[in-house]
N, C-alpha and C. Protein backbone atom coordinates (compact mmCIF):
# COMPACT_ATOMS: atom_id res chain seq x y z
N MET A 1 0.87 -1.14 0.00
CA MET A 1 0.02 -0.01 0.00
C MET A 1 0.94 1.23 -0.03
N SER A 2 0.58 2.13 -0.89
CA SER A 2 1.38 3.33 -0.94
C SER A 2 0.99 4.32 0.22
N GLU A 3 1.97 5.08 0.62
CA GLU A 3 1.78 5.95 1.73
C GLU A 3 1.60 7.39 1.24
N SER A 4 0.99 7.56 0.10
CA SER A 4 0.76 8.89 -0.52
C SER A 4 -0.34 9.56 0.06
N VAL A 5 -0.81 10.59 -0.60
CA VAL A 5 -1.92 11.38 -0.12
C VAL A 5 -3.18 10.59 0.08
N THR A 6 -3.84 10.80 1.13
CA THR A 6 -5.11 10.10 1.49
C THR A 6 -6.16 10.62 0.48
N VAL A 7 -6.84 9.64 -0.11
CA VAL A 7 -7.88 10.00 -1.15
C VAL A 7 -9.26 10.01 -0.43
N THR A 8 -9.84 11.20 -0.40
CA THR A 8 -11.10 11.36 0.31
C THR A 8 -12.23 11.87 -0.62
N THR A 9 -11.91 12.24 -1.87
CA THR A 9 -12.96 12.79 -2.72
C THR A 9 -12.92 12.11 -4.07
N LEU A 10 -14.00 12.21 -4.77
CA LEU A 10 -14.07 11.73 -6.16
C LEU A 10 -12.97 12.32 -7.03
N GLU A 11 -12.81 13.64 -6.90
CA GLU A 11 -11.75 14.34 -7.73
C GLU A 11 -10.40 13.76 -7.54
N GLN A 12 -10.02 13.39 -6.26
CA GLN A 12 -8.76 12.83 -5.96
C GLN A 12 -8.59 11.38 -6.54
N ALA A 13 -9.78 10.68 -6.52
CA ALA A 13 -9.76 9.28 -7.05
C ALA A 13 -9.56 9.36 -8.57
N LYS A 14 -10.16 10.42 -9.19
CA LYS A 14 -10.06 10.56 -10.66
C LYS A 14 -8.57 11.00 -10.96
N ASP A 15 -8.02 11.89 -10.19
CA ASP A 15 -6.66 12.29 -10.39
C ASP A 15 -5.64 11.16 -10.30
N LYS A 16 -5.93 10.19 -9.41
CA LYS A 16 -5.06 9.06 -9.30
C LYS A 16 -5.23 8.02 -10.40
N GLY A 17 -6.29 8.25 -11.26
CA GLY A 17 -6.53 7.32 -12.34
C GLY A 17 -7.24 6.08 -11.89
N TRP A 18 -7.91 6.16 -10.67
CA TRP A 18 -8.61 4.96 -10.22
C TRP A 18 -9.78 4.63 -11.11
N PRO A 19 -10.11 3.30 -11.26
CA PRO A 19 -11.13 2.88 -12.25
C PRO A 19 -12.59 3.29 -11.79
N PRO A 20 -13.51 3.10 -12.77
CA PRO A 20 -14.89 3.48 -12.52
C PRO A 20 -15.55 2.97 -11.28
N ASN A 21 -15.29 1.65 -10.91
CA ASN A 21 -15.97 1.09 -9.79
C ASN A 21 -15.51 1.74 -8.46
N ILE A 22 -14.22 2.19 -8.44
CA ILE A 22 -13.72 2.86 -7.21
C ILE A 22 -14.24 4.29 -7.21
N GLN A 23 -14.28 4.95 -8.37
CA GLN A 23 -14.78 6.29 -8.44
C GLN A 23 -16.32 6.28 -8.02
N ALA A 24 -17.01 5.20 -8.41
CA ALA A 24 -18.42 5.19 -8.02
C ALA A 24 -18.66 5.12 -6.54
N ALA A 25 -17.72 4.48 -5.83
CA ALA A 25 -17.86 4.38 -4.34
C ALA A 25 -17.65 5.76 -3.67
N PHE A 26 -16.86 6.63 -4.34
CA PHE A 26 -16.68 8.04 -3.79
C PHE A 26 -17.94 8.90 -4.20
N LYS A 27 -18.50 8.54 -5.32
CA LYS A 27 -19.65 9.28 -5.75
C LYS A 27 -20.89 8.97 -4.93
N ARG A 28 -21.11 7.67 -4.69
CA ARG A 28 -22.23 7.27 -3.87
C ARG A 28 -21.94 5.91 -3.34
N MET A 29 -21.45 5.86 -2.14
CA MET A 29 -21.07 4.59 -1.47
C MET A 29 -22.37 3.82 -1.18
N SER A 30 -22.30 2.44 -1.27
CA SER A 30 -23.40 1.66 -0.99
C SER A 30 -23.79 1.74 0.43
N PRO A 31 -25.04 1.60 0.79
CA PRO A 31 -25.46 1.60 2.23
C PRO A 31 -24.70 0.52 3.09
N ALA A 32 -24.48 -0.68 2.49
CA ALA A 32 -23.79 -1.72 3.17
C ALA A 32 -22.39 -1.31 3.46
N SER A 33 -21.66 -0.75 2.45
CA SER A 33 -20.26 -0.41 2.73
C SER A 33 -20.20 0.75 3.72
N ARG A 34 -21.14 1.61 3.70
CA ARG A 34 -21.14 2.70 4.72
C ARG A 34 -21.38 2.16 6.11
N TYR A 35 -22.30 1.18 6.23
CA TYR A 35 -22.61 0.52 7.50
C TYR A 35 -21.38 -0.18 8.09
N LEU A 36 -20.62 -0.81 7.20
CA LEU A 36 -19.36 -1.48 7.65
C LEU A 36 -18.24 -0.51 7.96
N GLY A 37 -18.34 0.78 7.59
CA GLY A 37 -17.38 1.74 7.83
C GLY A 37 -16.22 1.70 6.81
N LEU A 38 -16.59 1.39 5.58
CA LEU A 38 -15.51 1.25 4.52
C LEU A 38 -14.81 2.51 4.20
N GLU A 39 -13.53 2.44 4.04
CA GLU A 39 -12.64 3.53 3.55
C GLU A 39 -11.66 2.95 2.59
N ILE A 40 -11.71 3.34 1.31
CA ILE A 40 -10.74 2.88 0.36
C ILE A 40 -9.42 3.57 0.59
N LEU A 41 -8.30 2.74 0.69
CA LEU A 41 -7.04 3.26 0.97
C LEU A 41 -6.10 3.37 -0.24
N ASP A 42 -6.11 2.27 -1.05
CA ASP A 42 -5.19 2.21 -2.16
C ASP A 42 -5.66 1.20 -3.23
N VAL A 43 -5.26 1.52 -4.39
CA VAL A 43 -5.64 0.60 -5.55
C VAL A 43 -4.34 0.35 -6.36
N ASP A 44 -4.10 -0.89 -6.67
CA ASP A 44 -2.95 -1.23 -7.53
C ASP A 44 -3.52 -1.93 -8.77
N MET A 45 -3.55 -1.20 -9.88
CA MET A 45 -4.09 -1.70 -11.11
C MET A 45 -3.18 -2.84 -11.77
N GLU A 46 -1.92 -2.82 -11.44
CA GLU A 46 -1.01 -3.81 -11.99
C GLU A 46 -1.32 -5.19 -11.42
N THR A 47 -1.54 -5.24 -10.08
CA THR A 47 -1.80 -6.54 -9.41
C THR A 47 -3.27 -6.75 -9.19
N LEU A 48 -4.11 -5.85 -9.63
CA LEU A 48 -5.62 -5.90 -9.32
C LEU A 48 -5.89 -6.12 -7.88
N THR A 49 -5.29 -5.28 -7.09
CA THR A 49 -5.40 -5.33 -5.61
C THR A 49 -6.04 -4.03 -5.04
N VAL A 50 -6.89 -4.23 -4.08
CA VAL A 50 -7.51 -3.05 -3.35
C VAL A 50 -7.20 -3.19 -1.92
N GLN A 51 -6.80 -2.07 -1.28
CA GLN A 51 -6.57 -2.04 0.16
C GLN A 51 -7.64 -1.10 0.76
N VAL A 52 -8.31 -1.58 1.78
CA VAL A 52 -9.34 -0.80 2.46
C VAL A 52 -9.22 -0.88 3.96
N ALA A 53 -9.91 0.02 4.64
CA ALA A 53 -10.06 -0.03 6.10
C ALA A 53 -11.55 -0.10 6.36
N PHE A 54 -11.88 -0.73 7.43
CA PHE A 54 -13.20 -0.73 7.99
C PHE A 54 -13.18 -0.17 9.37
N ASN A 55 -14.05 0.76 9.66
CA ASN A 55 -14.18 1.32 11.01
C ASN A 55 -15.30 0.61 11.65
N ALA A 56 -14.99 -0.54 12.22
CA ALA A 56 -15.99 -1.45 12.78
C ALA A 56 -16.64 -0.89 14.04
N SER A 57 -17.84 -0.57 14.01
CA SER A 57 -18.54 0.01 15.24
C SER A 57 -19.02 -1.16 16.09
N GLU A 58 -19.47 -0.83 17.26
CA GLU A 58 -20.06 -1.84 18.18
C GLU A 58 -21.37 -2.41 17.64
N GLU A 59 -21.98 -1.61 16.66
CA GLU A 59 -23.20 -2.13 16.03
C GLU A 59 -22.97 -3.34 15.24
N LEU A 60 -21.74 -3.68 14.84
CA LEU A 60 -21.41 -4.82 14.14
C LEU A 60 -21.15 -6.06 14.93
N CYS A 61 -21.15 -5.90 16.28
CA CYS A 61 -20.76 -6.93 17.24
C CYS A 61 -21.90 -7.91 17.64
N ASN A 62 -21.45 -9.04 18.04
CA ASN A 62 -22.37 -10.03 18.67
C ASN A 62 -22.47 -9.69 20.19
N MET A 63 -23.20 -10.48 20.91
CA MET A 63 -23.40 -10.23 22.36
C MET A 63 -22.11 -10.42 23.14
N TRP A 64 -21.10 -10.98 22.63
CA TRP A 64 -19.83 -11.21 23.31
C TRP A 64 -18.78 -10.11 23.00
N GLY A 65 -19.13 -9.17 22.20
CA GLY A 65 -18.26 -8.05 21.89
C GLY A 65 -17.33 -8.20 20.65
N GLY A 66 -17.43 -9.33 19.97
CA GLY A 66 -16.66 -9.48 18.78
C GLY A 66 -17.52 -9.10 17.57
N VAL A 67 -16.83 -8.78 16.46
CA VAL A 67 -17.55 -8.48 15.20
C VAL A 67 -18.17 -9.76 14.78
N GLN A 68 -19.53 -9.73 14.53
CA GLN A 68 -20.25 -10.89 14.17
C GLN A 68 -19.66 -11.46 12.83
N GLY A 69 -19.59 -12.83 12.79
CA GLY A 69 -18.97 -13.47 11.61
C GLY A 69 -19.56 -13.07 10.27
N GLY A 70 -20.87 -12.84 10.21
CA GLY A 70 -21.50 -12.39 8.97
C GLY A 70 -21.03 -11.03 8.56
N MET A 71 -20.67 -10.21 9.48
CA MET A 71 -20.16 -8.84 9.18
C MET A 71 -18.71 -9.02 8.68
N VAL A 72 -17.95 -9.96 9.26
CA VAL A 72 -16.58 -10.14 8.77
C VAL A 72 -16.69 -10.66 7.34
N ALA A 73 -17.61 -11.56 7.01
CA ALA A 73 -17.83 -12.08 5.69
C ALA A 73 -18.21 -10.94 4.71
N ALA A 74 -19.04 -10.09 5.22
CA ALA A 74 -19.46 -8.92 4.38
C ALA A 74 -18.29 -8.00 4.03
N MET A 75 -17.39 -7.78 5.04
CA MET A 75 -16.23 -6.97 4.79
C MET A 75 -15.35 -7.57 3.71
N LEU A 76 -15.10 -8.90 3.77
CA LEU A 76 -14.30 -9.59 2.84
C LEU A 76 -14.94 -9.56 1.48
N ASP A 77 -16.24 -9.80 1.43
CA ASP A 77 -17.01 -9.74 0.17
C ASP A 77 -16.90 -8.37 -0.45
N ASP A 78 -16.97 -7.31 0.32
CA ASP A 78 -16.89 -5.96 -0.19
C ASP A 78 -15.53 -5.74 -0.78
N VAL A 79 -14.44 -6.03 -0.09
CA VAL A 79 -13.11 -5.77 -0.66
C VAL A 79 -12.90 -6.59 -1.90
N MET A 80 -13.34 -7.86 -1.96
CA MET A 80 -13.13 -8.68 -3.12
C MET A 80 -13.96 -8.15 -4.28
N SER A 81 -15.14 -7.60 -4.01
CA SER A 81 -15.95 -7.01 -5.11
C SER A 81 -15.27 -5.83 -5.73
N PHE A 82 -14.68 -5.01 -4.83
CA PHE A 82 -13.91 -3.88 -5.39
C PHE A 82 -12.69 -4.38 -6.27
N ALA A 83 -12.03 -5.37 -5.81
CA ALA A 83 -10.85 -5.86 -6.53
C ALA A 83 -11.25 -6.45 -7.90
N VAL A 84 -12.26 -7.27 -7.90
CA VAL A 84 -12.64 -7.89 -9.21
C VAL A 84 -13.25 -6.87 -10.13
N GLY A 85 -13.73 -5.80 -9.61
CA GLY A 85 -14.36 -4.80 -10.46
C GLY A 85 -13.35 -3.72 -11.00
N LEU A 86 -12.06 -3.94 -10.67
CA LEU A 86 -11.08 -2.90 -11.13
C LEU A 86 -11.00 -2.76 -12.63
N ASP A 87 -11.22 -3.83 -13.37
CA ASP A 87 -11.05 -3.63 -14.87
C ASP A 87 -12.44 -3.74 -15.51
N LEU A 88 -13.54 -3.52 -14.79
CA LEU A 88 -14.86 -3.41 -15.44
C LEU A 88 -15.08 -2.07 -16.04
N ASN A 89 -15.97 -1.98 -17.01
CA ASN A 89 -16.41 -0.75 -17.58
C ASN A 89 -17.59 -0.20 -16.90
N TRP A 90 -17.89 1.14 -17.10
CA TRP A 90 -19.08 1.68 -16.57
C TRP A 90 -20.26 0.83 -17.10
N GLY A 91 -21.26 0.49 -16.27
CA GLY A 91 -22.36 -0.24 -16.68
C GLY A 91 -22.17 -1.74 -16.48
N GLN A 92 -21.03 -2.22 -15.99
CA GLN A 92 -20.79 -3.55 -15.74
C GLN A 92 -20.78 -3.75 -14.21
N ILE A 93 -21.25 -4.90 -13.77
CA ILE A 93 -21.16 -5.31 -12.33
C ILE A 93 -20.59 -6.67 -12.19
N SER A 94 -20.19 -7.06 -11.00
CA SER A 94 -19.56 -8.35 -10.83
C SER A 94 -20.21 -9.11 -9.61
N PRO A 95 -21.39 -9.58 -9.75
CA PRO A 95 -22.05 -10.25 -8.67
C PRO A 95 -21.25 -11.53 -8.17
N THR A 96 -21.21 -11.72 -6.85
CA THR A 96 -20.57 -12.85 -6.24
C THR A 96 -21.38 -14.14 -6.48
N LEU A 97 -20.70 -15.13 -7.04
CA LEU A 97 -21.36 -16.42 -7.26
C LEU A 97 -21.26 -17.36 -6.07
N GLU A 98 -20.03 -17.26 -5.41
CA GLU A 98 -19.84 -18.05 -4.21
C GLU A 98 -18.73 -17.42 -3.35
N ILE A 99 -18.77 -17.67 -2.06
CA ILE A 99 -17.76 -17.06 -1.15
C ILE A 99 -17.48 -18.10 -0.09
N LYS A 100 -16.19 -18.12 0.32
CA LYS A 100 -15.78 -18.94 1.41
C LYS A 100 -14.95 -18.03 2.37
N VAL A 101 -15.26 -18.10 3.67
CA VAL A 101 -14.53 -17.26 4.62
C VAL A 101 -14.04 -18.19 5.72
N SER A 102 -12.77 -18.03 6.08
CA SER A 102 -12.20 -18.75 7.21
C SER A 102 -11.96 -17.77 8.36
N MET A 103 -12.55 -17.97 9.42
CA MET A 103 -12.28 -17.08 10.66
C MET A 103 -11.13 -17.70 11.43
N LEU A 104 -10.10 -16.84 11.63
CA LEU A 104 -8.83 -17.29 12.23
C LEU A 104 -8.73 -16.75 13.68
N ALA A 105 -9.26 -15.66 13.91
CA ALA A 105 -9.22 -15.01 15.29
C ALA A 105 -10.37 -14.03 15.35
N PRO A 106 -10.80 -13.73 16.57
CA PRO A 106 -11.94 -12.81 16.70
C PRO A 106 -11.55 -11.35 16.22
N ALA A 107 -12.49 -10.84 15.50
CA ALA A 107 -12.36 -9.41 15.12
C ALA A 107 -13.04 -8.54 16.16
N ARG A 108 -12.38 -7.49 16.61
CA ARG A 108 -12.92 -6.58 17.62
C ARG A 108 -13.37 -5.23 16.97
N PRO A 109 -14.22 -4.47 17.61
CA PRO A 109 -14.47 -3.20 17.09
C PRO A 109 -13.24 -2.27 16.97
N GLY A 110 -13.29 -1.37 16.00
CA GLY A 110 -12.18 -0.51 15.80
C GLY A 110 -11.73 -0.53 14.27
N ARG A 111 -10.59 -0.14 14.04
CA ARG A 111 -10.04 -0.04 12.69
C ARG A 111 -9.55 -1.42 12.24
N LEU A 112 -10.10 -1.94 11.17
CA LEU A 112 -9.62 -3.27 10.55
C LEU A 112 -9.18 -2.95 9.17
N TYR A 113 -8.24 -3.76 8.67
CA TYR A 113 -7.73 -3.53 7.36
C TYR A 113 -7.94 -4.78 6.51
N ALA A 114 -8.27 -4.57 5.24
CA ALA A 114 -8.54 -5.72 4.36
C ALA A 114 -7.91 -5.46 3.00
N SER A 115 -7.52 -6.52 2.35
CA SER A 115 -6.95 -6.42 0.95
C SER A 115 -7.76 -7.46 0.15
N GLY A 116 -7.96 -7.15 -1.10
CA GLY A 116 -8.54 -8.07 -2.03
C GLY A 116 -7.77 -8.08 -3.28
N THR A 117 -7.48 -9.27 -3.87
CA THR A 117 -6.61 -9.42 -5.06
C THR A 117 -7.30 -10.41 -5.99
N VAL A 118 -7.31 -10.04 -7.22
CA VAL A 118 -7.80 -10.93 -8.30
C VAL A 118 -6.73 -11.99 -8.53
N ILE A 119 -7.02 -13.25 -8.45
CA ILE A 119 -6.10 -14.28 -8.63
C ILE A 119 -6.15 -14.64 -10.13
N LYS A 120 -7.32 -14.76 -10.72
CA LYS A 120 -7.47 -15.06 -12.14
C LYS A 120 -8.80 -14.42 -12.64
N ARG A 121 -8.68 -13.85 -13.84
CA ARG A 121 -9.83 -13.24 -14.44
C ARG A 121 -10.09 -13.90 -15.84
N GLY A 122 -11.22 -14.45 -16.05
CA GLY A 122 -11.56 -15.07 -17.32
C GLY A 122 -12.51 -14.15 -18.03
N LYS A 123 -13.16 -14.65 -19.11
CA LYS A 123 -14.14 -13.87 -19.84
C LYS A 123 -15.43 -13.55 -19.02
N SER A 124 -15.86 -14.62 -18.33
CA SER A 124 -17.16 -14.48 -17.65
C SER A 124 -17.09 -14.66 -16.13
N VAL A 125 -15.94 -15.10 -15.61
CA VAL A 125 -15.82 -15.24 -14.16
C VAL A 125 -14.41 -14.75 -13.68
N GLY A 126 -14.36 -14.38 -12.43
CA GLY A 126 -13.11 -14.01 -11.83
C GLY A 126 -13.00 -14.68 -10.39
N PHE A 127 -11.72 -14.97 -10.04
CA PHE A 127 -11.43 -15.62 -8.78
C PHE A 127 -10.59 -14.64 -7.88
N ILE A 128 -11.08 -14.43 -6.68
CA ILE A 128 -10.52 -13.36 -5.89
C ILE A 128 -10.17 -13.93 -4.47
N GLU A 129 -9.10 -13.37 -3.86
CA GLU A 129 -8.79 -13.73 -2.42
C GLU A 129 -8.67 -12.49 -1.63
N SER A 130 -8.84 -12.65 -0.32
CA SER A 130 -8.75 -11.50 0.58
C SER A 130 -8.28 -11.90 1.99
N GLU A 131 -7.90 -10.85 2.72
CA GLU A 131 -7.56 -10.98 4.12
C GLU A 131 -8.06 -9.84 4.90
N LEU A 132 -8.43 -10.08 6.17
CA LEU A 132 -8.85 -9.04 7.11
C LEU A 132 -7.84 -9.09 8.26
N LYS A 133 -7.26 -7.96 8.62
CA LYS A 133 -6.31 -7.87 9.64
C LYS A 133 -6.68 -6.81 10.68
N ASP A 134 -6.17 -6.93 11.94
CA ASP A 134 -6.32 -5.91 12.96
C ASP A 134 -5.22 -4.88 12.80
N ALA A 135 -5.28 -3.86 13.61
CA ALA A 135 -4.30 -2.75 13.55
C ALA A 135 -2.90 -3.21 13.76
N ASP A 136 -2.69 -4.34 14.42
CA ASP A 136 -1.32 -4.87 14.66
C ASP A 136 -0.83 -5.77 13.56
N GLY A 137 -1.63 -5.99 12.60
CA GLY A 137 -1.28 -6.76 11.36
C GLY A 137 -1.61 -8.30 11.51
N ASN A 138 -2.29 -8.67 12.62
CA ASN A 138 -2.69 -10.06 12.78
C ASN A 138 -3.84 -10.39 11.82
N VAL A 139 -3.70 -11.54 11.15
CA VAL A 139 -4.76 -11.98 10.21
C VAL A 139 -5.88 -12.53 11.04
N LEU A 140 -7.09 -11.93 10.87
CA LEU A 140 -8.30 -12.39 11.55
C LEU A 140 -9.16 -13.29 10.73
N ALA A 141 -9.16 -13.10 9.37
CA ALA A 141 -9.95 -13.91 8.52
C ALA A 141 -9.40 -13.83 7.12
N THR A 142 -9.71 -14.96 6.35
CA THR A 142 -9.29 -14.98 4.96
C THR A 142 -10.59 -15.30 4.16
N GLY A 143 -10.59 -14.93 2.88
CA GLY A 143 -11.73 -15.24 2.04
C GLY A 143 -11.31 -15.50 0.66
N SER A 144 -12.15 -16.21 -0.06
CA SER A 144 -11.99 -16.40 -1.48
C SER A 144 -13.41 -16.37 -2.06
N SER A 145 -13.46 -15.99 -3.28
CA SER A 145 -14.78 -15.92 -3.97
C SER A 145 -14.67 -16.04 -5.51
N THR A 146 -15.77 -16.37 -6.07
CA THR A 146 -15.89 -16.37 -7.54
C THR A 146 -16.94 -15.36 -7.86
N ALA A 147 -16.77 -14.55 -8.85
CA ALA A 147 -17.69 -13.53 -9.33
C ALA A 147 -17.93 -13.68 -10.77
N THR A 148 -19.05 -13.26 -11.26
CA THR A 148 -19.35 -13.28 -12.71
C THR A 148 -19.44 -11.83 -13.15
N PHE A 149 -19.41 -11.64 -14.47
CA PHE A 149 -19.44 -10.29 -15.01
C PHE A 149 -20.78 -10.14 -15.76
N VAL A 150 -21.44 -9.01 -15.50
CA VAL A 150 -22.79 -8.67 -16.08
C VAL A 150 -22.75 -7.30 -16.62
N THR A 151 -23.26 -7.09 -17.84
CA THR A 151 -23.42 -5.80 -18.37
C THR A 151 -24.89 -5.39 -18.19
N LEU A 152 -25.10 -4.29 -17.49
CA LEU A 152 -26.46 -3.83 -17.28
C LEU A 152 -27.04 -3.28 -18.55
N LYS A 153 -28.32 -3.46 -18.76
CA LYS A 153 -29.03 -2.95 -19.90
C LYS A 153 -29.46 -1.53 -19.59
N LYS A 154 -29.32 -0.63 -20.60
CA LYS A 154 -29.79 0.73 -20.36
C LYS A 154 -31.31 0.80 -20.39
N LYS A 155 -31.80 1.66 -19.58
CA LYS A 155 -33.23 1.89 -19.54
C LYS A 155 -33.65 2.63 -20.78
N ASP A 156 -34.80 2.23 -21.32
CA ASP A 156 -35.29 2.97 -22.53
C ASP A 156 -35.84 4.32 -22.21
């Protein structure tokens, strides 16, 4: 992850040459990403990797104080979706066909970091991997998914 200027606006994302799917998140972030506390940190177009942070609130926790497993899965799904969408065009989406998440340690509220990388991209499907870490760099969960590519039809 580069330690350059923090990108907080659509204009900055455009200036960095970030692709349409990343720019769209600055234009209008999805309610789910906003609920998870998503912040896009870096994009590497060469390796098709996205680095993000999640500001995990206590609202994401189970009754024992850990981030609920479904929320961890949602975080990994989110970062993998951004990664696989790096080379999509405007009007294309990449729905998840399947996802696998391995929980390695409890995630606690606070700042969590995730990366998603495209392992292989074909004509109609992509294979993606991800990791979720705490602020100390400990791996909390890993994920892998398969996504398909869909071109949305324009409304008449």
